[in-house]
Amino acid sequence: MAQPGSVEKRAVAYLDVLGFRELLRTTPLAKLGAQYDRMVAQTEAQNRPFPLGVPVPTLFPEHPVNAPLCRRYVFSDSIILLSNTPAIVDCLKLLVYAWRFHQSLLASGFPTRGAVAYDDLYENPQTNVVLGKALTTAYELEQAQQWIGVAVDKSVEPLLYLVPPVIAQYRNLLDTVFWSYPVPLKDGRTVTLRTFNWRFNLIVEKGTKSLFRVSQEPSARAKVENTLAYAKAVIQSVAAYVTPMENVPVELRRYFVGAKKPPFDHGDEL
């Protein structure tokens, strides 16, 4: 772990909860705060691997039980995740946790847009100061996108090919979770980057479309349309689910969203 106030290469994920001002306007603050608290508590549990009692495949067998996979700062509708160290395996822990975090936020009614970058970063946990090129790059890439999704900056790409053998054996799965796709931008262009494949191993009782609010505002509508196009591309191009589950690392297993007790079927064609 870096000393307070030091500068290191770090992986940084910047996530922005979309439509937050509308939520503040239409939802009683106490209710919204309680929802946010529940979401933070749930994702904090995901950030600290716990003993499962039985041997299961895992991407990070050396990771200490109950130790956080990465560091996290929450400021209203902005969430910053930092790798614990510059080490490649810690950067991958950040990526995997941030992917699941994004998926969980979407399932909880908090659609997010975000980006991940790797570069110099200054962090002082004692004063909650975080700044540097890694954060700026992630923020600028997040702001440029026109969808509900997370893009992975090219600065992160080399790290995915330098992982240790225990992780490299799951290369095909990681290529699906961090899937390359033409990311839609606000200026009308697309740029092909790795993305967080939030549709992977996600099973929603009411279907994918139920995760998104209907809006008549053109920009919001365009974001949803681009996001559903991504889901459709996943279904048509790569495996949305992997079986058998016993061969899948615990960090990448199915995530069920619904009122019924799992398992249940996904609710629509997307």
C-alpha atoms as a PDB file:
ATOM      1  CA  MET A   1       0.000   0.000   0.000  1.00  0.00           C
ATOM      2  CA  ALA A   2       1.279   3.458  -0.886  1.00  0.00           C
ATOM      3  CA  GLN A   3       2.270   5.883   1.857  1.00  0.00           C
ATOM      4  CA  PRO A   4      -0.118   8.836   2.344  1.00  0.00           C
ATOM      5  CA  GLY A   5       0.696  11.605  -0.098  1.00  0.00           C
ATOM      6  CA  SER A   6       2.756   9.477  -2.483  1.00  0.00           C
ATOM      7  CA  VAL A   7       2.584   9.362  -6.297  1.00  0.00           C
ATOM      8  CA  GLU A   8       2.301   5.984  -8.030  1.00  0.00           C
ATOM      9  CA  LYS A   9       0.955   4.392 -11.176  1.00  0.00           C
ATOM     10  CA  ARG A  10      -2.554   3.251 -10.271  1.00  0.00           C
ATOM     11  CA  ALA A  11      -5.682   1.990 -11.978  1.00  0.00           C
ATOM     12  CA  VAL A  12      -8.631   4.332 -11.424  1.00  0.00           C
ATOM     13  CA  ALA A  13     -12.317   3.845 -12.193  1.00  0.00           C
ATOM     14  CA  TYR A  14     -14.529   6.922 -12.313  1.00  0.00           C
ATOM     15  CA  LEU A  15     -18.289   6.225 -12.203  1.00  0.00           C
ATOM     16  CA  ASP A  16     -21.078   8.788 -12.529  1.00  0.00           C
ATOM     17  CA  VAL A  17     -24.657   7.984 -11.496  1.00  0.00           C
ATOM     18  CA  LEU A  18     -26.779   9.260 -14.378  1.00  0.00           C
ATOM     19  CA  GLY A  19     -30.021  11.130 -13.790  1.00  0.00           C
ATOM     20  CA  PHE A  20     -29.079  11.903 -10.199  1.00  0.00           C
ATOM     21  CA  ARG A  21     -30.491  15.419 -10.252  1.00  0.00           C
ATOM     22  CA  GLU A  22     -33.807  14.013 -11.439  1.00  0.00           C
ATOM     23  CA  LEU A  23     -33.726  11.484  -8.605  1.00  0.00           C
ATOM     24  CA  LEU A  24     -33.118  14.293  -6.116  1.00  0.00           C
ATOM     25  CA  ARG A  25     -36.031  16.232  -7.584  1.00  0.00           C
ATOM     26  CA  THR A  26     -38.537  13.357  -7.623  1.00  0.00           C
ATOM     27  CA  THR A  27     -37.530  11.189  -4.651  1.00  0.00           C
ATOM     28  CA  PRO A  28     -37.796  12.185  -0.968  1.00  0.00           C
ATOM     29  CA  LEU A  29     -34.232  12.730   0.224  1.00  0.00           C
ATOM     30  CA  ALA A  30     -34.540  10.329   3.172  1.00  0.00           C
ATOM     31  CA  LYS A  31     -35.766   7.570   0.846  1.00  0.00           C
ATOM     32  CA  LEU A  32     -33.034   8.231  -1.711  1.00  0.00           C
ATOM     33  CA  GLY A  33     -30.417   8.309   1.039  1.00  0.00           C
ATOM     34  CA  ALA A  34     -31.624   4.959   2.395  1.00  0.00           C
ATOM     35  CA  GLN A  35     -31.485   3.435  -1.103  1.00  0.00           C
ATOM     36  CA  TYR A  36     -27.969   4.773  -1.559  1.00  0.00           C
ATOM     37  CA  ASP A  37     -26.917   3.441   1.840  1.00  0.00           C
ATOM     38  CA  ARG A  38     -28.206  -0.045   0.948  1.00  0.00           C
ATOM     39  CA  MET A  39     -26.413   0.036  -2.385  1.00  0.00           C
ATOM     40  CA  VAL A  40     -23.132   1.131  -0.774  1.00  0.00           C
ATOM     41  CA  ALA A  41     -23.413  -1.559   1.910  1.00  0.00           C
ATOM     42  CA  GLN A  42     -24.091  -4.270  -0.670  1.00  0.00           C
ATOM     43  CA  THR A  43     -21.194  -3.265  -2.886  1.00  0.00           C
ATOM     44  CA  GLU A  44     -18.893  -2.919   0.113  1.00  0.00           C
ATOM     45  CA  ALA A  45     -19.570  -6.580   0.882  1.00  0.00           C
ATOM     46  CA  GLN A  46     -18.631  -7.442  -2.711  1.00  0.00           C
ATOM     47  CA  ASN A  47     -15.362  -5.552  -2.199  1.00  0.00           C
ATOM     48  CA  ARG A  48     -14.309  -7.815   0.672  1.00  0.00           C
ATOM     49  CA  PRO A  49     -14.096 -11.513  -0.268  1.00  0.00           C
ATOM     50  CA  PHE A  50     -15.409 -13.752   2.465  1.00  0.00           C
ATOM     51  CA  PRO A  51     -14.707 -17.445   3.223  1.00  0.00           C
ATOM     52  CA  LEU A  52     -17.058 -19.656   1.212  1.00  0.00           C
ATOM     53  CA  GLY A  53     -16.510 -22.846   3.213  1.00  0.00           C
ATOM     54  CA  VAL A  54     -15.972 -24.963   0.088  1.00  0.00           C
ATOM     55  CA  PRO A  55     -13.226 -24.857  -2.552  1.00  0.00           C
ATOM     56  CA  VAL A  56     -14.321 -22.872  -5.625  1.00  0.00           C
ATOM     57  CA  PRO A  57     -12.390 -21.370  -8.539  1.00  0.00           C
ATOM     58  CA  THR A  58     -11.269 -17.804  -7.884  1.00  0.00           C
ATOM     59  CA  LEU A  59      -9.259 -15.244  -9.809  1.00  0.00           C
ATOM     60  CA  PHE A  60      -7.438 -14.140  -6.670  1.00  0.00           C
ATOM     61  CA  PRO A  61      -6.614 -17.145  -4.471  1.00  0.00           C
ATOM     62  CA  GLU A  62      -3.896 -15.196  -2.649  1.00  0.00           C
ATOM     63  CA  HIS A  63      -6.174 -12.342  -1.606  1.00  0.00           C
ATOM     64  CA  PRO A  64      -6.662 -12.123   2.186  1.00  0.00           C
ATOM     65  CA  VAL A  65     -10.177 -12.843   3.428  1.00  0.00           C
ATOM     66  CA  ASN A  66     -12.163  -9.680   4.253  1.00  0.00           C
ATOM     67  CA  ALA A  67      -9.456  -7.389   2.816  1.00  0.00           C
ATOM     68  CA  PRO A  68     -10.762  -4.862   0.244  1.00  0.00           C
ATOM     69  CA  LEU A  69     -10.046  -5.569  -3.419  1.00  0.00           C
ATOM     70  CA  CYS A  70      -9.639  -1.831  -4.027  1.00  0.00           C
ATOM     71  CA  ARG A  71     -10.123   1.576  -2.429  1.00  0.00           C
ATOM     72  CA  ARG A  72     -13.331   3.559  -2.835  1.00  0.00           C
ATOM     73  CA  TYR A  73     -14.503   7.150  -2.493  1.00  0.00           C
ATOM     74  CA  VAL A  74     -18.183   8.148  -2.846  1.00  0.00           C
ATOM     75  CA  PHE A  75     -19.056  11.823  -3.398  1.00  0.00           C
ATOM     76  CA  SER A  76     -22.785  12.216  -4.071  1.00  0.00           C
ATOM     77  CA  ASP A  77     -23.278  10.920  -7.626  1.00  0.00           C
ATOM     78  CA  SER A  78     -19.546  10.413  -8.320  1.00  0.00           C
ATOM     79  CA  ILE A  79     -17.709   7.245  -7.309  1.00  0.00           C
ATOM     80  CA  ILE A  80     -13.934   6.802  -7.534  1.00  0.00           C
ATOM     81  CA  LEU A  81     -12.307   3.388  -7.238  1.00  0.00           C
ATOM     82  CA  LEU A  82      -8.531   2.990  -6.917  1.00  0.00           C
ATOM     83  CA  SER A  83      -6.303  -0.066  -7.134  1.00  0.00           C
ATOM     84  CA  ASN A  84      -4.540  -0.760  -3.852  1.00  0.00           C
ATOM     85  CA  THR A  85      -1.091  -0.707  -5.498  1.00  0.00           C
ATOM     86  CA  PRO A  86       0.434  -0.359  -8.988  1.00  0.00           C
ATOM     87  CA  ALA A  87       0.768  -4.170  -9.196  1.00  0.00           C
ATOM     88  CA  ILE A  88      -0.907  -5.750 -12.222  1.00  0.00           C
ATOM     89  CA  VAL A  89      -2.927  -8.166 -10.102  1.00  0.00           C
ATOM     90  CA  ASP A  90      -4.247  -5.277  -7.976  1.00  0.00           C
ATOM     91  CA  CYS A  91      -5.247  -3.406 -11.128  1.00  0.00           C
ATOM     92  CA  LEU A  92      -7.188  -6.468 -12.279  1.00  0.00           C
ATOM     93  CA  LYS A  93      -8.881  -6.664  -8.874  1.00  0.00           C
ATOM     94  CA  LEU A  94      -9.995  -3.075  -9.427  1.00  0.00           C
ATOM     95  CA  LEU A  95     -11.331  -3.937 -12.895  1.00  0.00           C
ATOM     96  CA  VAL A  96     -13.267  -7.001 -11.730  1.00  0.00           C
ATOM     97  CA  TYR A  97     -14.751  -5.254  -8.713  1.00  0.00           C
ATOM     98  CA  ALA A  98     -15.649  -2.152 -10.734  1.00  0.00           C
ATOM     99  CA  TRP A  99     -17.377  -4.361 -13.341  1.00  0.00           C
ATOM    100  CA  ARG A 100     -19.503  -6.042 -10.675  1.00  0.00           C
ATOM    101  CA  PHE A 101     -20.103  -2.692  -8.961  1.00  0.00           C
ATOM    102  CA  HIS A 102     -21.387  -1.196 -12.231  1.00  0.00           C
ATOM    103  CA  GLN A 103     -23.627  -4.228 -12.736  1.00  0.00           C
ATOM    104  CA  SER A 104     -24.964  -3.972  -9.178  1.00  0.00           C
ATOM    105  CA  LEU A 105     -25.654  -0.246  -9.482  1.00  0.00           C
ATOM    106  CA  LEU A 106     -27.632  -0.829 -12.664  1.00  0.00           C
ATOM    107  CA  ALA A 107     -29.638  -3.577 -10.965  1.00  0.00           C
ATOM    108  CA  SER A 108     -30.316  -1.267  -7.989  1.00  0.00           C
ATOM    109  CA  GLY A 109     -31.801   1.502 -10.117  1.00  0.00           C
ATOM    110  CA  PHE A 110     -28.649   3.635 -10.312  1.00  0.00           C
ATOM    111  CA  PRO A 111     -27.508   3.550 -13.963  1.00  0.00           C
ATOM    112  CA  THR A 112     -23.904   4.628 -14.272  1.00  0.00           C
ATOM    113  CA  ARG A 113     -21.499   5.739 -16.941  1.00  0.00           C
ATOM    114  CA  GLY A 114     -17.795   5.455 -16.324  1.00  0.00           C
ATOM    115  CA  ALA A 115     -14.250   4.818 -17.433  1.00  0.00           C
ATOM    116  CA  VAL A 116     -11.052   3.191 -16.194  1.00  0.00           C
ATOM    117  CA  ALA A 117      -7.496   4.443 -16.763  1.00  0.00           C
ATOM    118  CA  TYR A 118      -3.954   3.632 -15.576  1.00  0.00           C
ATOM    119  CA  ASP A 119      -1.406   6.376 -14.936  1.00  0.00           C
ATOM    120  CA  ASP A 120       0.166   8.551 -12.240  1.00  0.00           C
ATOM    121  CA  LEU A 121      -2.005   9.237  -9.205  1.00  0.00           C
ATOM    122  CA  TYR A 122      -1.590  11.145  -5.960  1.00  0.00           C
ATOM    123  CA  GLU A 123      -3.653   9.836  -3.054  1.00  0.00           C
ATOM    124  CA  ASN A 124      -3.725  10.876   0.575  1.00  0.00           C
ATOM    125  CA  PRO A 125      -6.359   8.795   2.454  1.00  0.00           C
ATOM    126  CA  GLN A 126      -5.846  10.915   5.565  1.00  0.00           C
ATOM    127  CA  THR A 127      -7.173  14.008   3.796  1.00  0.00           C
ATOM    128  CA  ASN A 128      -9.289  12.255   1.098  1.00  0.00           C
ATOM    129  CA  VAL A 129      -7.257  13.987  -1.612  1.00  0.00           C
ATOM    130  CA  VAL A 130      -7.100  12.115  -4.935  1.00  0.00           C
ATOM    131  CA  LEU A 131      -5.709  13.703  -8.101  1.00  0.00           C
ATOM    132  CA  GLY A 132      -3.539  12.955 -11.109  1.00  0.00           C
ATOM    133  CA  LYS A 133      -3.509  11.962 -14.748  1.00  0.00           C
ATOM    134  CA  ALA A 134      -5.161   8.570 -14.128  1.00  0.00           C
ATOM    135  CA  LEU A 135      -8.222  10.256 -12.609  1.00  0.00           C
ATOM    136  CA  THR A 136      -8.345  13.025 -15.222  1.00  0.00           C
ATOM    137  CA  THR A 137      -8.142  10.533 -18.094  1.00  0.00           C
ATOM    138  CA  ALA A 138     -10.903   8.387 -16.605  1.00  0.00           C
ATOM    139  CA  TYR A 139     -13.101  11.449 -15.991  1.00  0.00           C
ATOM    140  CA  GLU A 140     -12.661  12.834 -19.507  1.00  0.00           C
ATOM    141  CA  LEU A 141     -13.426   9.466 -21.109  1.00  0.00           C
ATOM    142  CA  GLU A 142     -16.510   9.060 -18.905  1.00  0.00           C
ATOM    143  CA  GLN A 143     -17.786  12.488 -19.914  1.00  0.00           C
ATOM    144  CA  ALA A 144     -17.334  11.783 -23.640  1.00  0.00           C
ATOM    145  CA  GLN A 145     -19.631   8.734 -23.777  1.00  0.00           C
ATOM    146  CA  GLN A 146     -23.281   8.654 -24.827  1.00  0.00           C
ATOM    147  CA  TRP A 147     -24.716   5.592 -23.109  1.00  0.00           C
ATOM    148  CA  ILE A 148     -25.039   3.767 -19.806  1.00  0.00           C
ATOM    149  CA  GLY A 149     -21.787   1.859 -19.702  1.00  0.00           C
ATOM    150  CA  VAL A 150     -18.105   1.850 -18.810  1.00  0.00           C
ATOM    151  CA  ALA A 151     -15.196   2.132 -21.242  1.00  0.00           C
ATOM    152  CA  VAL A 152     -11.638   0.994 -20.494  1.00  0.00           C
ATOM    153  CA  ASP A 153      -8.939   3.424 -21.616  1.00  0.00           C
ATOM    154  CA  LYS A 154      -6.135   2.067 -23.799  1.00  0.00           C
ATOM    155  CA  SER A 155      -3.671   2.727 -20.948  1.00  0.00           C
ATOM    156  CA  VAL A 156      -5.189  -0.299 -19.170  1.00  0.00           C
ATOM    157  CA  GLU A 157      -5.074  -2.687 -22.154  1.00  0.00           C
ATOM    158  CA  PRO A 158      -1.435  -3.923 -21.705  1.00  0.00           C
ATOM    159  CA  LEU A 159      -2.147  -4.935 -18.102  1.00  0.00           C
ATOM    160  CA  LEU A 160      -4.690  -7.544 -19.228  1.00  0.00           C
ATOM    161  CA  TYR A 161      -1.937  -9.429 -21.080  1.00  0.00           C
ATOM    162  CA  LEU A 162       0.522  -9.442 -18.181  1.00  0.00           C
ATOM    163  CA  VAL A 163      -1.596 -11.200 -15.571  1.00  0.00           C
ATOM    164  CA  PRO A 164      -0.171 -14.195 -13.655  1.00  0.00           C
ATOM    165  CA  PRO A 165      -0.900 -17.772 -14.848  1.00  0.00           C
ATOM    166  CA  VAL A 166      -3.617 -18.397 -12.249  1.00  0.00           C
ATOM    167  CA  ILE A 167      -5.616 -15.600 -13.915  1.00  0.00           C
ATOM    168  CA  ALA A 168      -4.420 -16.131 -17.491  1.00  0.00           C
ATOM    169  CA  GLN A 169      -6.186 -19.517 -17.601  1.00  0.00           C
ATOM    170  CA  TYR A 170      -9.443 -17.532 -17.681  1.00  0.00           C
ATOM    171  CA  ARG A 171      -8.353 -15.364 -20.629  1.00  0.00           C
ATOM    172  CA  ASN A 172     -11.448 -16.150 -22.725  1.00  0.00           C
ATOM    173  CA  LEU A 173     -13.762 -15.238 -19.862  1.00  0.00           C
ATOM    174  CA  LEU A 174     -11.927 -11.974 -19.219  1.00  0.00           C
ATOM    175  CA  ASP A 175     -12.118 -11.081 -22.911  1.00  0.00           C
ATOM    176  CA  THR A 176     -15.901 -11.502 -22.642  1.00  0.00           C
ATOM    177  CA  VAL A 177     -16.254  -9.533 -19.403  1.00  0.00           C
ATOM    178  CA  PHE A 178     -14.060  -6.728 -20.786  1.00  0.00           C
ATOM    179  CA  TRP A 179     -15.440  -6.897 -24.299  1.00  0.00           C
ATOM    180  CA  SER A 180     -14.185  -4.725 -27.163  1.00  0.00           C
ATOM    181  CA  TYR A 181     -16.978  -2.631 -28.667  1.00  0.00           C
ATOM    182  CA  PRO A 182     -17.429   0.634 -30.639  1.00  0.00           C
ATOM    183  CA  VAL A 183     -18.300   2.947 -27.745  1.00  0.00           C
ATOM    184  CA  PRO A 184     -20.805   5.694 -28.718  1.00  0.00           C
ATOM    185  CA  LEU A 185     -19.614   9.241 -28.030  1.00  0.00           C
ATOM    186  CA  LYS A 186     -21.555  12.467 -27.555  1.00  0.00           C
ATOM    187  CA  ASP A 187     -20.079  13.970 -30.738  1.00  0.00           C
ATOM    188  CA  GLY A 188     -21.613  11.180 -32.833  1.00  0.00           C
ATOM    189  CA  ARG A 189     -18.409   9.215 -33.344  1.00  0.00           C
ATOM    190  CA  THR A 190     -17.548   5.807 -31.913  1.00  0.00           C
ATOM    191  CA  VAL A 191     -14.227   4.563 -30.577  1.00  0.00           C
ATOM    192  CA  THR A 192     -13.466   0.869 -30.158  1.00  0.00           C
ATOM    193  CA  LEU A 193     -12.365   0.143 -26.610  1.00  0.00           C
ATOM    194  CA  ARG A 194     -12.733  -2.591 -24.071  1.00  0.00           C
ATOM    195  CA  THR A 195     -15.908  -2.150 -22.046  1.00  0.00           C
ATOM    196  CA  PHE A 196     -17.556  -3.500 -18.930  1.00  0.00           C
ATOM    197  CA  ASN A 197     -19.885  -6.187 -20.269  1.00  0.00           C
ATOM    198  CA  TRP A 198     -22.619  -5.615 -17.696  1.00  0.00           C
ATOM    199  CA  ARG A 199     -24.884  -8.047 -19.592  1.00  0.00           C
ATOM    200  CA  PHE A 200     -22.544 -10.985 -18.898  1.00  0.00           C
ATOM    201  CA  ASN A 201     -24.051 -13.474 -16.402  1.00  0.00           C
ATOM    202  CA  LEU A 202     -26.798 -10.979 -15.513  1.00  0.00           C
ATOM    203  CA  ILE A 203     -30.263 -12.538 -15.130  1.00  0.00           C
ATOM    204  CA  VAL A 204     -33.149 -10.107 -14.617  1.00  0.00           C
ATOM    205  CA  GLU A 205     -36.576 -11.515 -13.790  1.00  0.00           C
ATOM    206  CA  LYS A 206     -38.386  -8.734 -15.664  1.00  0.00           C
ATOM    207  CA  GLY A 207     -35.817  -8.534 -18.465  1.00  0.00           C
ATOM    208  CA  THR A 208     -33.043  -6.156 -19.470  1.00  0.00           C
ATOM    209  CA  LYS A 209     -35.402  -3.391 -20.640  1.00  0.00           C
ATOM    210  CA  SER A 210     -36.898  -3.138 -17.147  1.00  0.00           C
ATOM    211  CA  LEU A 211     -33.577  -1.756 -15.850  1.00  0.00           C
ATOM    212  CA  PHE A 212     -33.928   1.508 -17.766  1.00  0.00           C
ATOM    213  CA  ARG A 213     -36.274   4.436 -17.215  1.00  0.00           C
ATOM    214  CA  VAL A 214     -38.331   5.668 -20.155  1.00  0.00           C
ATOM    215  CA  SER A 215     -37.542   9.303 -20.952  1.00  0.00           C
ATOM    216  CA  GLN A 216     -38.744  11.743 -23.600  1.00  0.00           C
ATOM    217  CA  GLU A 217     -35.611  13.855 -23.198  1.00  0.00           C
ATOM    218  CA  PRO A 218     -33.566  13.285 -26.404  1.00  0.00           C
ATOM    219  CA  SER A 219     -30.163  12.826 -24.779  1.00  0.00           C
ATOM    220  CA  ALA A 220     -31.478  10.423 -22.129  1.00  0.00           C
ATOM    221  CA  ARG A 221     -33.399   8.470 -24.758  1.00  0.00           C
ATOM    222  CA  ALA A 222     -30.266   8.210 -26.920  1.00  0.00           C
ATOM    223  CA  LYS A 223     -28.266   6.857 -23.978  1.00  0.00           C
ATOM    224  CA  VAL A 224     -30.819   4.105 -23.365  1.00  0.00           C
ATOM    225  CA  GLU A 225     -31.055   3.220 -27.054  1.00  0.00           C
ATOM    226  CA  ASN A 226     -27.276   2.931 -27.307  1.00  0.00           C
ATOM    227  CA  THR A 227     -27.199   0.800 -24.160  1.00  0.00           C
ATOM    228  CA  LEU A 228     -29.874  -1.602 -25.421  1.00  0.00           C
ATOM    229  CA  ALA A 229     -27.976  -1.844 -28.725  1.00  0.00           C
ATOM    230  CA  TYR A 230     -24.957  -2.954 -26.697  1.00  0.00           C
ATOM    231  CA  ALA A 231     -27.021  -5.642 -24.933  1.00  0.00           C
ATOM    232  CA  LYS A 232     -28.297  -6.869 -28.292  1.00  0.00           C
ATOM    233  CA  ALA A 233     -24.739  -7.017 -29.656  1.00  0.00           C
ATOM    234  CA  VAL A 234     -23.633  -9.049 -26.631  1.00  0.00           C
ATOM    235  CA  ILE A 235     -26.435 -11.567 -27.167  1.00  0.00           C
ATOM    236  CA  GLN A 236     -25.617 -11.863 -30.866  1.00  0.00           C
ATOM    237  CA  SER A 237     -21.818 -11.867 -30.644  1.00  0.00           C
ATOM    238  CA  VAL A 238     -20.551 -13.431 -27.403  1.00  0.00           C
ATOM    239  CA  ALA A 239     -21.785 -15.722 -24.672  1.00  0.00           C
ATOM    240  CA  ALA A 240     -24.093 -13.855 -22.295  1.00  0.00           C
ATOM    241  CA  TYR A 241     -23.924 -16.791 -19.885  1.00  0.00           C
ATOM    242  CA  VAL A 242     -21.335 -19.452 -19.137  1.00  0.00           C
ATOM    243  CA  THR A 243     -21.962 -23.032 -18.054  1.00  0.00           C
ATOM    244  CA  PRO A 244     -21.221 -25.063 -16.071  1.00  0.00           C
ATOM    245  CA  MET A 245     -21.039 -22.605 -13.200  1.00  0.00           C
ATOM    246  CA  GLU A 246     -18.649 -24.742 -11.167  1.00  0.00           C
ATOM    247  CA  ASN A 247     -15.886 -23.913 -13.666  1.00  0.00           C
ATOM    248  CA  VAL A 248     -16.424 -20.149 -13.449  1.00  0.00           C
ATOM    249  CA  PRO A 249     -14.440 -18.063 -10.925  1.00  0.00           C
ATOM    250  CA  VAL A 250     -16.654 -16.944  -8.076  1.00  0.00           C
ATOM    251  CA  GLU A 251     -16.050 -13.277  -8.955  1.00  0.00           C
ATOM    252  CA  LEU A 252     -17.692 -13.734 -12.387  1.00  0.00           C
ATOM    253  CA  ARG A 253     -20.674 -15.924 -11.542  1.00  0.00           C
ATOM    254  CA  ARG A 254     -24.314 -15.194 -12.289  1.00  0.00           C
ATOM    255  CA  TYR A 255     -26.025 -12.197 -10.744  1.00  0.00           C
ATOM    256  CA  PHE A 256     -29.793 -12.525 -10.282  1.00  0.00           C
ATOM    257  CA  VAL A 257     -32.132  -9.509 -10.112  1.00  0.00           C
ATOM    258  CA  GLY A 258     -35.750 -10.081  -9.161  1.00  0.00           C
ATOM    259  CA  ALA A 259     -38.331 -10.801  -6.472  1.00  0.00           C
ATOM    260  CA  LYS A 260     -38.200 -14.572  -6.890  1.00  0.00           C
ATOM    261  CA  LYS A 261     -35.674 -16.814  -5.214  1.00  0.00           C
ATOM    262  CA  PRO A 262     -32.919 -17.715  -7.730  1.00  0.00           C
ATOM    263  CA  PRO A 263     -32.453 -19.421 -10.009  1.00  0.00           C
ATOM    264  CA  PHE A 264     -34.977 -18.116 -12.517  1.00  0.00           C
ATOM    265  CA  ASP A 265     -34.991 -17.311 -16.230  1.00  0.00           C
ATOM    266  CA  HIS A 266     -34.141 -13.966 -17.791  1.00  0.00           C
ATOM    267  CA  GLY A 267     -37.281 -12.004 -18.642  1.00  0.00           C
ATOM    268  CA  ASP A 268     -36.742 -10.813 -22.234  1.00  0.00           C
ATOM    269  CA  GLU A 269     -34.722 -11.362 -25.416  1.00  0.00           C
ATOM    270  CA  LEU A 270     -32.058  -8.837 -24.389  1.00  0.00           C
END
